[in-house]
Protein backbone atom coordinates (compact mmCIF):
# COMPACT_ATOMS: atom_id res chain seq x y z
CA MET A 1 -40.94 19.75 25.30
CA GLU A 2 -44.36 18.15 25.73
CA GLU A 3 -46.03 21.54 25.49
CA LEU A 4 -44.18 22.27 22.26
CA LEU A 5 -44.99 18.86 20.78
CA SER A 6 -48.66 19.41 21.51
CA ARG A 7 -48.62 22.45 19.21
CA ILE A 8 -46.65 21.30 16.16
CA GLY A 9 -49.86 20.21 14.44
CA GLN A 10 -50.37 23.90 13.69
CA LEU A 11 -47.55 23.62 11.14
CA PHE A 12 -49.47 21.10 8.99
CA ILE A 13 -52.12 21.63 6.31
CA ILE A 14 -53.62 18.37 5.06
CA GLY A 15 -56.45 17.02 2.90
CA TYR A 16 -58.71 14.00 2.42
CA PRO A 17 -60.14 12.21 -0.66
CA SER A 18 -63.92 12.27 -0.23
CA GLU A 19 -66.95 14.51 0.15
CA GLU A 20 -67.15 14.04 3.91
CA PRO A 21 -64.08 14.10 6.17
CA PRO A 22 -63.44 10.48 7.27
CA GLU A 23 -63.67 9.76 11.00
CA ARG A 24 -60.04 8.63 11.14
CA PHE A 25 -59.02 11.91 9.53
CA LYS A 26 -61.04 13.92 12.04
CA GLN A 27 -59.58 11.94 14.95
CA PHE A 28 -56.07 12.73 13.76
CA VAL A 29 -56.98 16.41 13.37
CA ALA A 30 -58.45 16.53 16.87
CA ASN A 31 -55.63 14.57 18.54
CA LYS A 32 -52.83 16.56 16.91
CA GLN A 33 -54.68 19.90 16.57
CA ILE A 34 -53.79 20.19 12.90
CA GLY A 35 -53.49 23.78 11.68
CA GLY A 36 -55.44 23.65 8.46
CA PHE A 37 -57.01 21.82 5.54
CA ILE A 38 -56.85 21.90 1.77
CA LEU A 39 -59.93 21.22 -0.34
CA PHE A 40 -59.83 19.51 -3.73
CA GLY A 41 -62.46 18.97 -6.40
CA ASP A 42 -63.92 15.81 -4.86
CA ASN A 43 -64.37 17.68 -1.57
CA CYS A 44 -66.33 20.40 -3.38
CA THR A 45 -69.14 18.69 -5.27
CA SER A 46 -71.58 21.31 -3.99
CA GLY A 47 -71.67 24.33 -1.73
CA ALA A 48 -73.66 22.38 0.85
CA VAL A 49 -71.00 19.65 0.94
CA VAL A 50 -68.27 22.23 1.53
CA ARG A 51 -70.20 24.00 4.29
CA ARG A 52 -70.87 20.73 6.15
CA ALA A 53 -67.26 19.66 5.86
CA VAL A 54 -65.90 22.99 7.06
CA GLU A 55 -68.16 23.01 10.10
CA SER A 56 -67.27 19.41 10.91
CA LEU A 57 -63.55 20.12 10.66
CA LYS A 58 -63.74 23.33 12.67
CA SER A 59 -65.40 21.39 15.49
CA CYS A 60 -62.25 19.24 15.74
CA CYS A 61 -59.98 22.25 16.31
CA ARG A 62 -60.06 23.31 19.95
CA THR A 63 -57.10 25.70 20.24
CA ALA A 64 -57.46 27.78 17.06
CA LEU A 65 -59.66 28.04 14.03
CA PRO A 66 -58.02 26.23 11.11
CA PHE A 67 -56.91 27.52 7.77
CA VAL A 68 -59.46 26.27 5.23
CA SER A 69 -57.58 26.49 1.97
CA ILE A 70 -58.34 25.86 -1.68
CA ASP A 71 -56.71 26.30 -5.10
CA GLN A 72 -59.22 28.59 -6.81
CA GLU A 73 -57.05 30.27 -9.41
CA GLY A 74 -59.70 30.39 -12.12
CA GLY A 75 -59.76 28.47 -15.38
CA ARG A 76 -58.58 24.86 -15.19
CA THR A 77 -57.12 25.25 -11.70
CA SER A 78 -60.41 25.56 -9.85
CA ARG A 79 -61.81 23.21 -7.21
CA LEU A 80 -65.19 24.95 -7.18
CA THR A 81 -66.34 24.62 -10.77
CA LYS A 82 -69.81 26.16 -10.85
CA GLU A 83 -71.02 29.74 -10.68
CA PRO A 84 -70.54 31.95 -8.76
CA ALA A 85 -67.23 30.37 -7.83
CA GLN A 86 -65.80 29.88 -11.29
CA TYR A 87 -64.00 32.66 -13.14
CA GLY A 88 -61.68 32.84 -16.13
CA ALA A 89 -58.13 31.61 -16.53
CA ALA A 90 -55.37 34.07 -15.69
CA SER A 91 -54.12 33.98 -19.27
CA ALA A 92 -57.52 35.05 -20.59
CA TYR A 93 -57.47 38.23 -18.51
CA ALA A 94 -53.83 38.77 -19.46
CA GLU A 95 -54.67 38.74 -23.17
CA THR A 96 -56.86 41.83 -22.80
CA ASN A 97 -55.03 43.21 -19.75
CA ASN A 98 -58.47 43.85 -18.31
CA ILE A 99 -57.85 44.18 -14.59
CA GLY A 100 -61.27 45.74 -14.08
CA GLN A 101 -63.06 42.69 -15.46
CA PHE A 102 -60.82 40.38 -13.47
CA THR A 103 -61.56 42.29 -10.27
CA LYS A 104 -65.30 42.13 -10.90
CA ASP A 105 -65.27 38.39 -11.67
CA TYR A 106 -62.96 37.46 -8.83
CA THR A 107 -64.94 39.55 -6.34
CA SER A 108 -67.96 37.27 -6.88
CA THR A 109 -65.78 34.21 -6.38
CA ALA A 110 -64.17 35.56 -3.21
CA ALA A 111 -67.53 36.41 -1.65
CA TYR A 112 -68.83 32.92 -2.41
CA MET A 113 -65.75 31.19 -0.98
CA LYS A 114 -66.06 33.19 2.21
CA SER A 115 -69.75 32.23 2.49
CA LEU A 116 -68.74 28.54 2.43
CA GLY A 117 -66.30 28.97 5.32
CA ILE A 118 -63.16 29.03 3.18
CA ASN A 119 -60.64 31.55 4.51
CA TYR A 120 -57.48 30.95 2.50
CA ASN A 121 -57.15 30.92 -1.28
CA LEU A 122 -53.86 29.48 -2.50
CA ALA A 123 -53.65 32.25 -5.08
CA PRO A 124 -52.75 34.48 -6.87
CA VAL A 125 -50.12 32.99 -9.14
CA ALA A 126 -47.19 35.43 -9.28
CA ASP A 127 -45.25 33.51 -11.93
CA ILE A 128 -44.37 35.09 -15.28
CA PHE A 129 -45.06 32.90 -18.31
CA LEU A 130 -41.59 32.72 -19.86
CA GLU A 131 -41.31 29.14 -21.10
CA GLU A 132 -43.68 27.84 -23.77
CA GLN A 133 -42.98 24.22 -22.79
CA ASN A 134 -44.13 24.89 -19.22
CA THR A 135 -47.38 22.89 -19.36
CA CYS A 136 -47.76 23.18 -15.59
CA MET A 137 -48.17 26.96 -15.81
CA ASP A 138 -49.97 27.13 -19.16
CA GLY A 139 -53.02 29.34 -18.68
CA ARG A 140 -52.21 30.06 -15.04
CA CYS A 141 -50.06 33.20 -15.44
CA TYR A 142 -51.25 36.80 -15.67
CA GLY A 143 -48.81 37.69 -18.40
CA ARG A 144 -45.35 37.48 -19.90
CA THR A 145 -43.92 40.56 -18.19
CA ALA A 146 -43.23 41.19 -14.54
CA GLU A 147 -45.15 44.46 -14.56
CA GLN A 148 -48.36 43.00 -15.99
CA VAL A 149 -48.34 40.06 -13.60
CA ALA A 150 -47.68 42.42 -10.68
CA SER A 151 -50.79 44.46 -11.48
CA PHE A 152 -53.07 41.42 -11.43
CA VAL A 153 -51.40 40.06 -8.30
CA GLN A 154 -52.11 43.29 -6.45
CA ALA A 155 -55.73 43.27 -7.62
CA ALA A 156 -56.25 39.68 -6.41
CA VAL A 157 -54.69 40.30 -3.00
CA THR A 158 -56.79 43.43 -2.57
CA VAL A 159 -60.02 41.54 -3.34
CA ASN A 160 -59.04 38.77 -0.92
CA LYS A 161 -58.46 41.27 1.88
CA GLN A 162 -61.80 42.94 1.21
CA HIS A 163 -63.55 39.59 1.69
CA GLY A 164 -61.57 38.26 4.64
CA LEU A 165 -59.56 35.71 2.66
CA PHE A 166 -55.86 35.09 3.10
CA SER A 167 -53.73 35.26 -0.04
CA CYS A 168 -50.88 33.04 -1.18
CA LEU A 169 -48.31 34.30 -3.69
CA LYS A 170 -46.92 31.38 -5.68
CA HIS A 171 -44.61 29.79 -6.77
CA PHE A 172 -41.57 31.43 -5.16
CA PRO A 173 -39.00 32.32 -6.39
CA GLY A 174 -40.78 32.05 -9.77
CA LEU A 175 -41.68 28.92 -11.76
CA GLY A 176 -42.44 30.55 -15.09
CA ALA A 177 -38.98 30.02 -16.60
CA ALA A 178 -38.93 26.25 -15.97
CA ALA A 179 -40.03 23.60 -18.46
CA ILE A 180 -40.55 20.71 -16.03
CA ASP A 181 -43.76 20.24 -14.03
CA PRO A 182 -42.82 19.82 -10.32
CA HIS A 183 -45.74 17.42 -9.92
CA LYS A 184 -43.72 15.01 -12.09
CA ALA A 185 -40.06 15.86 -11.37
CA THR A 186 -37.95 18.63 -9.90
CA ALA A 187 -38.30 21.73 -12.06
CA ILE A 188 -35.12 23.48 -13.17
CA ALA A 189 -34.53 27.11 -14.13
CA ASP A 190 -31.28 28.80 -15.12
CA TYR A 191 -31.69 32.29 -13.67
CA ASP A 192 -29.43 33.74 -10.98
CA HIS A 193 -30.05 36.30 -8.26
CA SER A 194 -29.40 39.27 -10.54
CA THR A 195 -31.92 38.11 -13.14
CA TRP A 196 -34.43 37.24 -10.44
CA ALA A 197 -34.08 40.67 -8.81
CA HIS A 198 -35.07 42.39 -12.06
CA ARG A 199 -37.77 39.93 -13.15
CA GLU A 200 -39.36 37.21 -10.97
CA ARG A 201 -38.97 39.26 -7.81
CA ILE A 202 -41.26 42.07 -9.02
CA PRO A 203 -44.70 40.37 -8.80
CA PHE A 204 -43.90 38.93 -5.38
CA VAL A 205 -42.91 42.35 -4.05
CA ALA A 206 -46.12 43.78 -5.50
CA GLY A 207 -48.24 41.23 -3.63
CA ILE A 208 -46.33 41.66 -0.39
CA ASP A 209 -46.66 45.43 -0.61
CA VAL A 210 -50.47 45.21 -0.53
CA GLY A 211 -50.51 42.74 2.34
CA ALA A 212 -50.33 39.14 1.10
CA GLU A 213 -50.16 36.98 4.21
CA THR A 214 -48.41 33.92 2.76
CA VAL A 215 -45.96 32.90 0.04
CA MET A 216 -45.71 29.39 -1.43
CA THR A 217 -42.42 28.00 -2.70
CA THR A 218 -41.96 25.41 -5.44
CA HIS A 219 -40.04 22.17 -5.95
CA MET A 220 -37.47 23.65 -8.29
CA GLN A 221 -33.71 23.83 -8.51
CA LEU A 222 -31.69 26.89 -9.47
CA PRO A 223 -28.28 25.30 -10.21
CA SER A 224 -26.47 28.64 -10.39
CA VAL A 225 -27.71 29.53 -6.91
CA ASP A 226 -27.92 26.38 -4.77
CA HIS A 227 -27.51 22.62 -5.18
CA GLU A 228 -30.54 22.13 -2.93
CA ILE A 229 -34.03 22.34 -4.37
CA VAL A 230 -35.91 25.48 -3.34
CA THR A 231 -38.05 23.57 -0.84
CA GLY A 232 -34.93 22.74 1.17
CA SER A 233 -32.88 25.84 0.38
CA ARG A 234 -32.13 28.25 3.20
CA THR A 235 -30.50 30.53 0.64
CA ILE A 236 -33.73 31.02 -1.28
CA VAL A 237 -36.31 30.76 1.50
CA SER A 238 -34.51 32.50 4.33
CA ARG A 239 -32.27 34.92 2.41
CA TRP A 240 -34.15 35.79 -0.78
CA LEU A 241 -37.65 35.80 0.70
CA ARG A 242 -37.10 36.77 4.32
CA ASP A 243 -34.05 39.03 4.00
CA ASP A 244 -34.15 40.42 0.45
CA LEU A 245 -37.92 40.94 0.35
CA GLY A 246 -38.35 41.57 4.07
CA PHE A 247 -41.28 39.17 4.17
CA ASP A 248 -42.44 38.45 7.72
CA GLY A 249 -45.59 36.49 6.90
CA LEU A 250 -46.05 32.75 6.51
CA VAL A 251 -44.05 30.66 4.06
CA ILE A 252 -45.83 27.50 2.92
CA THR A 253 -44.46 24.59 0.91
CA ASP A 254 -46.07 23.32 -2.22
CA GLU A 255 -47.57 19.86 -1.77
CA LEU A 256 -44.78 17.74 -0.27
CA CYS A 257 -45.88 14.50 -1.94
CA MET A 258 -45.11 15.84 -5.42
CA LEU A 259 -42.40 13.93 -7.28
CA GLY A 260 -40.46 17.16 -7.56
CA ALA A 261 -39.74 17.00 -3.82
CA GLU A 262 -38.24 13.49 -3.88
CA ALA A 263 -34.68 14.84 -3.70
CA LEU A 264 -35.32 15.64 -0.03
CA GLY A 265 -36.01 12.02 0.90
CA SER A 266 -39.02 10.43 2.57
CA VAL A 267 -42.12 12.51 3.26
CA GLY A 268 -40.98 12.98 6.84
CA GLU A 269 -37.52 14.05 5.73
CA ARG A 270 -39.10 16.48 3.27
CA ALA A 271 -41.13 18.07 6.06
CA VAL A 272 -38.06 18.47 8.26
CA ALA A 273 -35.88 19.83 5.44
CA ALA A 274 -38.56 22.31 4.38
CA PHE A 275 -39.12 23.55 7.89
CA CYS A 276 -35.40 23.92 8.56
CA ALA A 277 -35.06 25.90 5.33
CA GLY A 278 -37.50 28.47 6.70
CA HIS A 279 -41.05 27.32 5.93
CA ASP A 280 -43.80 27.77 8.51
CA LEU A 281 -46.54 25.63 6.95
CA LEU A 282 -46.12 22.11 5.55
CA LEU A 283 -48.66 21.22 2.88
CA PHE A 284 -49.87 17.69 2.15
CA GLY A 285 -52.54 16.51 -0.26
CA GLN A 286 -55.37 14.02 0.07
CA ASP A 287 -53.37 11.01 1.29
CA TYR A 288 -53.67 11.65 4.98
CA ASP A 289 -51.82 8.44 5.86
CA VAL A 290 -48.76 10.10 4.31
CA ALA A 291 -49.45 13.26 6.31
CA MET A 292 -49.68 11.20 9.50
CA GLU A 293 -46.36 9.52 8.67
CA ALA A 294 -44.72 12.89 8.08
CA TYR A 295 -46.16 14.27 11.32
CA GLU A 296 -44.73 11.41 13.37
CA TYR A 297 -41.31 11.75 11.75
CA PHE A 298 -41.36 15.50 12.34
CA ALA A 299 -42.33 15.03 15.98
CA GLY A 300 -39.44 12.60 16.42
CA SER A 301 -37.08 15.14 14.86
CA VAL A 302 -38.23 17.75 17.36
CA GLN A 303 -37.64 15.35 20.24
CA ASP A 304 -34.11 14.45 19.14
CA GLY A 305 -33.14 18.04 18.39
CA ARG A 306 -32.91 17.92 14.59
CA VAL A 307 -35.59 20.60 14.51
CA SER A 308 -34.91 23.49 16.85
CA ALA A 309 -37.47 24.44 19.45
CA GLU A 310 -36.71 28.13 18.86
CA SER A 311 -37.59 27.82 15.15
CA ILE A 312 -40.84 26.09 15.99
CA ARG A 313 -41.82 28.80 18.45
CA THR A 314 -41.03 31.48 15.87
CA SER A 315 -43.26 29.79 13.27
CA LEU A 316 -46.03 29.18 15.79
CA ASP A 317 -45.94 32.86 16.72
CA ARG A 318 -46.23 33.83 13.03
CA ILE A 319 -49.14 31.44 12.55
CA ALA A 320 -50.86 32.76 15.66
CA ALA A 321 -50.47 36.35 14.46
CA VAL A 322 -52.11 35.54 11.13
CA LYS A 323 -54.87 33.46 12.67
CA LEU A 324 -55.79 36.28 15.00
CA LYS A 325 -57.14 38.00 11.89
CA LEU A 326 -59.78 35.24 11.80
CA GLY A 327 -61.13 36.65 15.04
CA ASN A 328 -60.29 33.60 17.12
CA THR A 329 -58.22 33.03 20.21
CA VAL A 330 -54.95 31.30 19.50
CA VAL A 331 -52.94 29.56 22.17
CA SER A 332 -49.33 30.75 21.91
């Protein structure tokens, strides 16, 4: 049990709210061997700041290189806001359906991210823009049809692979039909499995087919499918994603401090529920005190058997397999 507890930090991706990683943050990372980091705008005031931070954080990780992740979708959802990192919003490329221009623009961005030490872009968005009131997804979708979105998703994943970046298809099973922003409350959509199979499913399959390593879920409820929100739904995470799509990569939560995840309880309870539903990676934002609280609760749940050791080993093996692509040695 002690050996297993020493490795559960690999399940966590966390952030911090400053240019430089605080010492207390780095101590937590080193003590718990946290699996990865997420960068936000105030962590990315310049390329030099990002490079220093990445090197500092990597030095804390003894057993495996960390995931260094970022939301660089283009347009308004960009943490790196200056050239050559910035590129257009998804909706702008969708208007002209110009995949060639998108590929050219995103290639410059991907190369720059890689040069900074970033290895994991939390993109592309695989949602279809179906609901005009969906302010959360406004501008972030590559079209209003499954087929158009699928084409851009494949192009983005291909560019990522060419530049040694991991991809993240989001927001599973598809947030485009919801009107509520999961940052503010649990999103709700009325589609069932049959509708999903002929619509939302298509862009995710397209990304998986060209090798996307990870898929991110969303804090949304599908009342006709499950009373649980997606983040805690074994039906959607384990059956739809793992079984229906045959996805054997990493499943990551959306940020677990969002108000849309409140239905699952405290931050620690959210982490446990998400993991038990089938997620491998548990994402937290810049409040690392909250991440620490969730880690301790999760560790206690492992000790008392609420989280199965077998499930943890399975997720750790998946994480190790992906991280081997970084060219590092992973303890497994």
